[in-house]
PDB file of all heavy atoms in Angstrom:
ATOM      1  N   THR A   1      42.707 -61.622 173.726  1.00  0.00           N
ATOM      2  CA  THR A   1      42.920 -63.074 173.584  1.00  0.00           C
ATOM      3  C   THR A   1      42.196 -63.635 172.370  1.00  0.00           C
ATOM      4  O   THR A   1      42.503 -64.723 171.904  1.00  0.00           O
ATOM      5  CB  THR A   1      42.443 -63.819 174.843  1.00  0.00           C
ATOM      6  OG1 THR A   1      41.110 -63.399 175.135  1.00  0.00           O
ATOM      7  CG2 THR A   1      43.337 -63.524 176.022  1.00  0.00           C
ATOM      8  N   THR A   2      41.216 -62.895 171.847  1.00  0.00           N
ATOM      9  CA  THR A   2      40.478 -63.389 170.674  1.00  0.00           C
ATOM     10  C   THR A   2      40.965 -62.758 169.370  1.00  0.00           C
ATOM     11  O   THR A   2      40.444 -63.069 168.303  1.00  0.00           O
ATOM     12  CB  THR A   2      38.965 -63.118 170.825  1.00  0.00           C
ATOM     13  OG1 THR A   2      38.762 -61.706 171.004  1.00  0.00           O
ATOM     14  CG2 THR A   2      38.403 -63.862 172.034  1.00  0.00           C
ATOM     15  N   SER A   3      41.962 -61.873 169.447  1.00  0.00           N
ATOM     16  CA  SER A   3      42.485 -61.254 168.216  1.00  0.00           C
ATOM     17  C   SER A   3      43.165 -62.309 167.361  1.00  0.00           C
ATOM     18  O   SER A   3      43.771 -63.248 167.879  1.00  0.00           O
ATOM     19  CB  SER A   3      43.506 -60.167 168.552  1.00  0.00           C
ATOM     20  OG  SER A   3      42.926 -59.150 169.339  1.00  0.00           O
ATOM     21  N   PRO A   4      43.111 -62.174 166.017  1.00  0.00           N
ATOM     22  CA  PRO A   4      43.808 -63.131 165.160  1.00  0.00           C
ATOM     23  C   PRO A   4      45.308 -63.066 165.405  1.00  0.00           C
ATOM     24  O   PRO A   4      45.877 -61.991 165.561  1.00  0.00           O
ATOM     25  CB  PRO A   4      43.457 -62.681 163.739  1.00  0.00           C
ATOM     26  CG  PRO A   4      42.923 -61.295 163.867  1.00  0.00           C
ATOM     27  CD  PRO A   4      42.394 -61.147 165.239  1.00  0.00           C
ATOM     28  N   MET A   5      45.942 -64.240 165.465  1.00  0.00           N
ATOM     29  CA  MET A   5      47.356 -64.305 165.839  1.00  0.00           C
ATOM     30  C   MET A   5      48.253 -63.556 164.862  1.00  0.00           C
ATOM     31  O   MET A   5      49.234 -62.932 165.244  1.00  0.00           O
ATOM     32  CB  MET A   5      47.806 -65.770 165.927  1.00  0.00           C
ATOM     33  CG  MET A   5      49.197 -65.935 166.515  1.00  0.00           C
ATOM     34  SD  MET A   5      49.600 -67.654 166.837  1.00  0.00           S
ATOM     35  CE  MET A   5      48.570 -67.984 168.245  1.00  0.00           C
ATOM     36  N   GLY A   6      47.915 -63.594 163.563  1.00  0.00           N
ATOM     37  CA  GLY A   6      48.798 -63.013 162.561  1.00  0.00           C
ATOM     38  C   GLY A   6      48.989 -61.522 162.665  1.00  0.00           C
ATOM     39  O   GLY A   6      50.021 -61.009 162.277  1.00  0.00           O
ATOM     40  N   GLY A   7      47.990 -60.790 163.229  1.00  0.00           N
ATOM     41  CA  GLY A   7      48.089 -59.343 163.179  1.00  0.00           C
ATOM     42  C   GLY A   7      48.274 -58.657 164.515  1.00  0.00           C
ATOM     43  O   GLY A   7      48.166 -57.443 164.597  1.00  0.00           O
ATOM     44  N   THR A   8      48.511 -59.410 165.597  1.00  0.00           N
ATOM     45  CA  THR A   8      48.516 -58.786 166.918  1.00  0.00           C
ATOM     46  C   THR A   8      49.836 -58.946 167.648  1.00  0.00           C
ATOM     47  O   THR A   8      49.919 -58.712 168.842  1.00  0.00           O
ATOM     48  CB  THR A   8      47.401 -59.391 167.785  1.00  0.00           C
ATOM     49  OG1 THR A   8      47.607 -60.805 167.864  1.00  0.00           O
ATOM     50  CG2 THR A   8      46.037 -59.110 167.206  1.00  0.00           C
ATOM     51  N   MET A   9      50.879 -59.326 166.976  1.00  0.00           N
ATOM     52  CA  MET A   9      52.162 -59.497 167.633  1.00  0.00           C
ATOM     53  C   MET A   9      52.980 -58.209 167.591  1.00  0.00           C
ATOM     54  O   MET A   9      52.821 -57.387 166.697  1.00  0.00           O
ATOM     55  CB  MET A   9      52.942 -60.643 166.983  1.00  0.00           C
ATOM     56  CG  MET A   9      52.356 -61.999 167.304  1.00  0.00           C
ATOM     57  SD  MET A   9      53.471 -63.345 166.933  1.00  0.00           S
ATOM     58  CE  MET A   9      53.300 -63.426 165.181  1.00  0.00           C
ATOM     59  N   ARG A  10      53.850 -58.073 168.582  1.00  0.00           N
ATOM     60  CA  ARG A  10      54.816 -56.981 168.534  1.00  0.00           C
ATOM     61  C   ARG A  10      55.918 -57.458 167.597  1.00  0.00           C
ATOM     62  O   ARG A  10      56.647 -58.402 167.913  1.00  0.00           O
ATOM     63  CB  ARG A  10      55.335 -56.689 169.943  1.00  0.00           C
ATOM     64  CG  ARG A  10      56.185 -55.431 170.021  1.00  0.00           C
ATOM     65  CD  ARG A  10      56.008 -54.684 171.349  1.00  0.00           C
ATOM     66  NE  ARG A  10      56.567 -55.332 172.509  1.00  0.00           N
ATOM     67  CZ  ARG A  10      57.763 -55.029 173.045  1.00  0.00           C
ATOM     68  NH1 ARG A  10      58.535 -54.123 172.475  1.00  0.00           N
ATOM     69  NH2 ARG A  10      58.177 -55.637 174.133  1.00  0.00           N
ATOM     70  N   LEU A  11      56.016 -56.810 166.457  1.00  0.00           N
ATOM     71  CA  LEU A  11      56.917 -57.274 165.397  1.00  0.00           C
ATOM     72  C   LEU A  11      57.912 -56.187 165.015  1.00  0.00           C
ATOM     73  O   LEU A  11      57.579 -55.005 164.969  1.00  0.00           O
ATOM     74  CB  LEU A  11      56.120 -57.661 164.147  1.00  0.00           C
ATOM     75  CG  LEU A  11      55.331 -58.964 164.185  1.00  0.00           C
ATOM     76  CD1 LEU A  11      54.352 -59.020 163.024  1.00  0.00           C
ATOM     77  CD2 LEU A  11      56.280 -60.160 164.111  1.00  0.00           C
ATOM     78  N   GLY A  12      59.127 -56.601 164.710  1.00  0.00           N
ATOM     79  CA  GLY A  12      60.110 -55.667 164.174  1.00  0.00           C
ATOM     80  C   GLY A  12      61.003 -55.059 165.242  1.00  0.00           C
ATOM     81  O   GLY A  12      61.037 -55.486 166.392  1.00  0.00           O
ATOM     82  N   GLU A  13      61.718 -54.019 164.840  1.00  0.00           N
ATOM     83  CA  GLU A  13      62.762 -53.428 165.666  1.00  0.00           C
ATOM     84  C   GLU A  13      62.197 -52.412 166.662  1.00  0.00           C
ATOM     85  O   GLU A  13      61.416 -51.540 166.295  1.00  0.00           O
ATOM     86  CB  GLU A  13      63.770 -52.731 164.750  1.00  0.00           C
ATOM     87  CG  GLU A  13      64.987 -52.168 165.436  1.00  0.00           C
ATOM     88  CD  GLU A  13      65.915 -51.505 164.430  1.00  0.00           C
ATOM     89  OE1 GLU A  13      65.695 -50.311 164.150  1.00  0.00           O
ATOM     90  OE2 GLU A  13      66.823 -52.180 163.911  1.00  0.00           O
ATOM     91  N   TYR A  14      62.612 -52.531 167.922  1.00  0.00           N
ATOM     92  CA  TYR A  14      62.221 -51.581 168.956  1.00  0.00           C
ATOM     93  C   TYR A  14      63.469 -51.118 169.712  1.00  0.00           C
ATOM     94  O   TYR A  14      64.440 -51.873 169.843  1.00  0.00           O
ATOM     95  CB  TYR A  14      61.242 -52.211 169.956  1.00  0.00           C
ATOM     96  CG  TYR A  14      59.848 -52.368 169.428  1.00  0.00           C
ATOM     97  CD1 TYR A  14      59.513 -53.456 168.614  1.00  0.00           C
ATOM     98  CD2 TYR A  14      58.850 -51.449 169.724  1.00  0.00           C
ATOM     99  CE1 TYR A  14      58.238 -53.613 168.114  1.00  0.00           C
ATOM    100  CE2 TYR A  14      57.562 -51.595 169.228  1.00  0.00           C
ATOM    101  CZ  TYR A  14      57.265 -52.681 168.427  1.00  0.00           C
ATOM    102  OH  TYR A  14      55.992 -52.829 167.938  1.00  0.00           O
ATOM    103  N   GLU A  15      63.393 -49.889 170.206  1.00  0.00           N
ATOM    104  CA  GLU A  15      64.480 -49.354 171.024  1.00  0.00           C
ATOM    105  C   GLU A  15      64.408 -49.955 172.418  1.00  0.00           C
ATOM    106  O   GLU A  15      63.335 -50.160 172.974  1.00  0.00           O
ATOM    107  CB  GLU A  15      64.330 -47.830 171.086  1.00  0.00           C
ATOM    108  CG  GLU A  15      65.409 -47.119 171.867  1.00  0.00           C
ATOM    109  CD  GLU A  15      65.166 -45.622 171.913  1.00  0.00           C
ATOM    110  OE1 GLU A  15      65.423 -44.943 170.899  1.00  0.00           O
ATOM    111  OE2 GLU A  15      64.707 -45.123 172.969  1.00  0.00           O
ATOM    112  N   CYS A  16      65.567 -50.236 173.003  1.00  0.00           N
ATOM    113  CA  CYS A  16      65.632 -50.782 174.357  1.00  0.00           C
ATOM    114  C   CYS A  16      66.711 -50.033 175.130  1.00  0.00           C
ATOM    115  O   CYS A  16      67.829 -49.857 174.643  1.00  0.00           O
ATOM    116  CB  CYS A  16      65.953 -52.280 174.314  1.00  0.00           C
ATOM    117  SG  CYS A  16      66.332 -53.012 175.925  1.00  0.00           S
ATOM    118  N   GLU A  17      66.359 -49.601 176.342  1.00  0.00           N
ATOM    119  CA  GLU A  17      67.335 -48.926 177.203  1.00  0.00           C
ATOM    120  C   GLU A  17      67.923 -49.945 178.168  1.00  0.00           C
ATOM    121  O   GLU A  17      67.196 -50.653 178.865  1.00  0.00           O
ATOM    122  CB  GLU A  17      66.660 -47.786 177.974  1.00  0.00           C
ATOM    123  CG  GLU A  17      67.637 -46.963 178.785  1.00  0.00           C
ATOM    124  CD  GLU A  17      67.006 -45.741 179.431  1.00  0.00           C
ATOM    125  OE1 GLU A  17      65.919 -45.320 178.974  1.00  0.00           O
ATOM    126  OE2 GLU A  17      67.601 -45.219 180.397  1.00  0.00           O
ATOM    127  N   THR A  18      69.244 -50.029 178.194  1.00  0.00           N
ATOM    128  CA  THR A  18      69.925 -51.018 179.033  1.00  0.00           C
ATOM    129  C   THR A  18      70.338 -50.396 180.366  1.00  0.00           C
ATOM    130  O   THR A  18      70.629 -49.201 180.449  1.00  0.00           O
ATOM    131  CB  THR A  18      71.173 -51.570 178.327  1.00  0.00           C
ATOM    132  OG1 THR A  18      72.134 -50.517 178.150  1.00  0.00           O
ATOM    133  CG2 THR A  18      70.831 -52.144 176.967  1.00  0.00           C
ATOM    134  N   LYS A  19      70.386 -51.214 181.410  1.00  0.00           N
ATOM    135  CA  LYS A  19      70.725 -50.744 182.757  1.00  0.00           C
ATOM    136  C   LYS A  19      72.224 -50.811 182.986  1.00  0.00           C
ATOM    137  O   LYS A  19      72.871 -51.810 182.668  1.00  0.00           O
ATOM    138  CB  LYS A  19      69.999 -51.609 183.787  1.00  0.00           C
ATOM    139  CG  LYS A  19      70.177 -51.135 185.225  1.00  0.00           C
ATOM    140  CD  LYS A  19      69.343 -51.976 186.176  1.00  0.00           C
ATOM    141  CE  LYS A  19      69.496 -51.492 187.614  1.00  0.00           C
ATOM    142  NZ  LYS A  19      68.679 -52.287 188.546  1.00  0.00           N
ATOM    143  N   GLU A  20      72.743 -49.736 183.562  1.00  0.00           N
ATOM    144  CA  GLU A  20      74.184 -49.687 183.831  1.00  0.00           C
ATOM    145  C   GLU A  20      74.582 -50.794 184.800  1.00  0.00           C
ATOM    146  O   GLU A  20      73.872 -51.103 185.747  1.00  0.00           O
ATOM    147  CB  GLU A  20      74.540 -48.316 184.428  1.00  0.00           C
ATOM    148  CG  GLU A  20      76.033 -48.054 184.463  1.00  0.00           C
ATOM    149  CD  GLU A  20      76.372 -46.626 184.848  1.00  0.00           C
ATOM    150  OE1 GLU A  20      75.461 -45.774 184.854  1.00  0.00           O
ATOM    151  OE2 GLU A  20      77.540 -46.367 185.125  1.00  0.00           O
ATOM    152  N   GLY A  21      75.725 -51.436 184.527  1.00  0.00           N
ATOM    153  CA  GLY A  21      76.222 -52.500 185.387  1.00  0.00           C
ATOM    154  C   GLY A  21      75.649 -53.873 185.093  1.00  0.00           C
ATOM    155  O   GLY A  21      76.008 -54.863 185.744  1.00  0.00           O
ATOM    156  N   SER A  22      74.757 -53.961 184.107  1.00  0.00           N
ATOM    157  CA  SER A  22      74.113 -55.240 183.787  1.00  0.00           C
ATOM    158  C   SER A  22      74.915 -56.031 182.750  1.00  0.00           C
ATOM    159  O   SER A  22      75.785 -55.495 182.058  1.00  0.00           O
ATOM    160  CB  SER A  22      72.699 -54.991 183.246  1.00  0.00           C
ATOM    161  OG  SER A  22      72.762 -54.276 182.013  1.00  0.00           O
ATOM    162  N   ASN A  23      74.597 -57.328 182.638  1.00  0.00           N
ATOM    163  CA  ASN A  23      75.174 -58.160 181.573  1.00  0.00           C
ATOM    164  C   ASN A  23      74.795 -57.608 180.206  1.00  0.00           C
ATOM    165  O   ASN A  23      75.583 -57.652 179.263  1.00  0.00           O
ATOM    166  CB  ASN A  23      74.672 -59.609 181.688  1.00  0.00           C
ATOM    167  CG  ASN A  23      75.194 -60.321 182.914  1.00  0.00           C
ATOM    168  OD1 ASN A  23      76.299 -60.055 183.365  1.00  0.00           O
ATOM    169  ND2 ASN A  23      74.394 -61.221 183.471  1.00  0.00           N
ATOM    170  N   LEU A  24      73.557 -57.094 180.113  1.00  0.00           N
ATOM    171  CA  LEU A  24      73.061 -56.559 178.840  1.00  0.00           C
ATOM    172  C   LEU A  24      73.885 -55.344 178.413  1.00  0.00           C
ATOM    173  O   LEU A  24      74.322 -55.250 177.271  1.00  0.00           O
ATOM    174  CB  LEU A  24      71.582 -56.180 178.986  1.00  0.00           C
ATOM    175  CG  LEU A  24      70.829 -55.834 177.705  1.00  0.00           C
ATOM    176  CD1 LEU A  24      70.711 -57.047 176.792  1.00  0.00           C
ATOM    177  CD2 LEU A  24      69.447 -55.281 178.022  1.00  0.00           C
ATOM    178  N   ARG A  25      74.115 -54.402 179.368  1.00  0.00           N
ATOM    179  CA  ARG A  25      74.904 -53.220 179.036  1.00  0.00           C
ATOM    180  C   ARG A  25      76.346 -53.614 178.684  1.00  0.00           C
ATOM    181  O   ARG A  25      76.925 -53.083 177.731  1.00  0.00           O
ATOM    182  CB  ARG A  25      74.899 -52.250 180.230  1.00  0.00           C
ATOM    183  CG  ARG A  25      75.862 -51.063 180.107  1.00  0.00           C
ATOM    184  CD  ARG A  25      75.413 -50.049 179.074  1.00  0.00           C
ATOM    185  NE  ARG A  25      74.204 -49.346 179.467  1.00  0.00           N
ATOM    186  CZ  ARG A  25      74.172 -48.223 180.214  1.00  0.00           C
ATOM    187  NH1 ARG A  25      75.292 -47.686 180.648  1.00  0.00           N
ATOM    188  NH2 ARG A  25      73.015 -47.661 180.492  1.00  0.00           N
ATOM    189  N   ALA A  26      76.913 -54.566 179.429  1.00  0.00           N
ATOM    190  CA  ALA A  26      78.289 -55.003 179.164  1.00  0.00           C
ATOM    191  C   ALA A  26      78.401 -55.646 177.782  1.00  0.00           C
ATOM    192  O   ALA A  26      79.391 -55.434 177.070  1.00  0.00           O
ATOM    193  CB  ALA A  26      78.739 -55.986 180.243  1.00  0.00           C
ATOM    194  N   ALA A  27      77.370 -56.399 177.395  1.00  0.00           N
ATOM    195  CA  ALA A  27      77.409 -57.090 176.095  1.00  0.00           C
ATOM    196  C   ALA A  27      77.391 -56.094 174.945  1.00  0.00           C
ATOM    197  O   ALA A  27      78.177 -56.207 173.999  1.00  0.00           O
ATOM    198  CB  ALA A  27      76.225 -58.051 175.980  1.00  0.00           C
ATOM    199  N   TYR A  28      76.511 -55.105 175.013  1.00  0.00           N
ATOM    200  CA  TYR A  28      76.326 -54.167 173.897  1.00  0.00           C
ATOM    201  C   TYR A  28      77.182 -52.918 174.020  1.00  0.00           C
ATOM    202  O   TYR A  28      77.379 -52.203 173.038  1.00  0.00           O
ATOM    203  CB  TYR A  28      74.850 -53.759 173.793  1.00  0.00           C
ATOM    204  CG  TYR A  28      73.951 -54.841 173.270  1.00  0.00           C
ATOM    205  CD1 TYR A  28      73.426 -55.810 174.118  1.00  0.00           C
ATOM    206  CD2 TYR A  28      73.603 -54.903 171.926  1.00  0.00           C
ATOM    207  CE1 TYR A  28      72.580 -56.813 173.647  1.00  0.00           C
ATOM    208  CE2 TYR A  28      72.755 -55.892 171.439  1.00  0.00           C
ATOM    209  CZ  TYR A  28      72.252 -56.842 172.311  1.00  0.00           C
ATOM    210  OH  TYR A  28      71.422 -57.833 171.830  1.00  0.00           O
ATOM    211  N   ASP A  29      77.653 -52.647 175.248  1.00  0.00           N
ATOM    212  CA  ASP A  29      78.440 -51.434 175.512  1.00  0.00           C
ATOM    213  C   ASP A  29      77.708 -50.192 175.010  1.00  0.00           C
ATOM    214  O   ASP A  29      78.291 -49.315 174.369  1.00  0.00           O
ATOM    215  CB  ASP A  29      79.833 -51.544 174.868  1.00  0.00           C
ATOM    216  CG  ASP A  29      80.777 -50.437 175.351  1.00  0.00           C
ATOM    217  OD1 ASP A  29      80.546 -49.920 176.460  1.00  0.00           O
ATOM    218  OD2 ASP A  29      81.708 -50.074 174.606  1.00  0.00           O
ATOM    219  N   SER A  30      76.405 -50.161 175.263  1.00  0.00           N
ATOM    220  CA  SER A  30      75.593 -49.044 174.789  1.00  0.00           C
ATOM    221  C   SER A  30      74.358 -48.890 175.670  1.00  0.00           C
ATOM    222  O   SER A  30      73.763 -49.887 176.092  1.00  0.00           O
ATOM    223  CB  SER A  30      75.156 -49.282 173.344  1.00  0.00           C
ATOM    224  OG  SER A  30      74.342 -48.221 172.886  1.00  0.00           O
ATOM    225  N   LYS A  31      73.986 -47.637 175.949  1.00  0.00           N
ATOM    226  CA  LYS A  31      72.803 -47.386 176.761  1.00  0.00           C
ATOM    227  C   LYS A  31      71.530 -47.718 175.987  1.00  0.00           C
ATOM    228  O   LYS A  31      70.569 -48.257 176.533  1.00  0.00           O
ATOM    229  CB  LYS A  31      72.774 -45.918 177.204  1.00  0.00           C
ATOM    230  CG  LYS A  31      71.600 -45.586 178.114  1.00  0.00           C
ATOM    231  CD  LYS A  31      71.609 -44.119 178.537  1.00  0.00           C
ATOM    232  CE  LYS A  31      70.402 -43.822 179.439  1.00  0.00           C
ATOM    233  NZ  LYS A  31      70.360 -42.399 179.852  1.00  0.00           N
ATOM    234  N   ILE A  32      71.518 -47.399 174.687  1.00  0.00           N
ATOM    235  CA  ILE A  32      70.354 -47.656 173.834  1.00  0.00           C
ATOM    236  C   ILE A  32      70.715 -48.695 172.777  1.00  0.00           C
ATOM    237  O   ILE A  32      71.737 -48.563 172.090  1.00  0.00           O
ATOM    238  CB  ILE A  32      69.864 -46.365 173.136  1.00  0.00           C
ATOM    239  CG1 ILE A  32      69.507 -45.289 174.170  1.00  0.00           C
ATOM    240  CG2 ILE A  32      68.678 -46.666 172.219  1.00  0.00           C
ATOM    241  CD1 ILE A  32      68.323 -45.612 175.050  1.00  0.00           C
ATOM    242  N   ILE A  33      69.911 -49.732 172.665  1.00  0.00           N
ATOM    243  CA  ILE A  33      70.129 -50.758 171.637  1.00  0.00           C
ATOM    244  C   ILE A  33      68.836 -50.944 170.846  1.00  0.00           C
ATOM    245  O   ILE A  33      67.761 -50.511 171.276  1.00  0.00           O
ATOM    246  CB  ILE A  33      70.586 -52.113 172.244  1.00  0.00           C
ATOM    247  CG1 ILE A  33      69.492 -52.695 173.163  1.00  0.00           C
ATOM    248  CG2 ILE A  33      71.901 -51.951 172.991  1.00  0.00           C
ATOM    249  CD1 ILE A  33      69.784 -54.098 173.666  1.00  0.00           C
ATOM    250  N   TYR A  34      68.942 -51.602 169.690  1.00  0.00           N
ATOM    251  CA  TYR A  34      67.775 -51.860 168.841  1.00  0.00           C
ATOM    252  C   TYR A  34      67.762 -53.335 168.477  1.00  0.00           C
ATOM    253  O   TYR A  34      68.727 -53.848 167.899  1.00  0.00           O
ATOM    254  CB  TYR A  34      67.823 -50.996 167.564  1.00  0.00           C
ATOM    255  CG  TYR A  34      67.745 -49.516 167.852  1.00  0.00           C
ATOM    256  CD1 TYR A  34      68.897 -48.776 168.115  1.00  0.00           C
ATOM    257  CD2 TYR A  34      66.512 -48.862 167.884  1.00  0.00           C
ATOM    258  CE1 TYR A  34      68.833 -47.418 168.403  1.00  0.00           C
ATOM    259  CE2 TYR A  34      66.429 -47.507 168.167  1.00  0.00           C
ATOM    260  CZ  TYR A  34      67.588 -46.785 168.431  1.00  0.00           C
ATOM    261  OH  TYR A  34      67.513 -45.455 168.713  1.00  0.00           O
TER     262      TYR A  34
END
């Protein structure tokens, strides 16, 4: 909580695994998205 805000955020592209049958999977039509 005391870390400087500028350098402690999760920034940039990350891999995400989508759940079958979800709105997310239906939207991307892919198990893995970035």
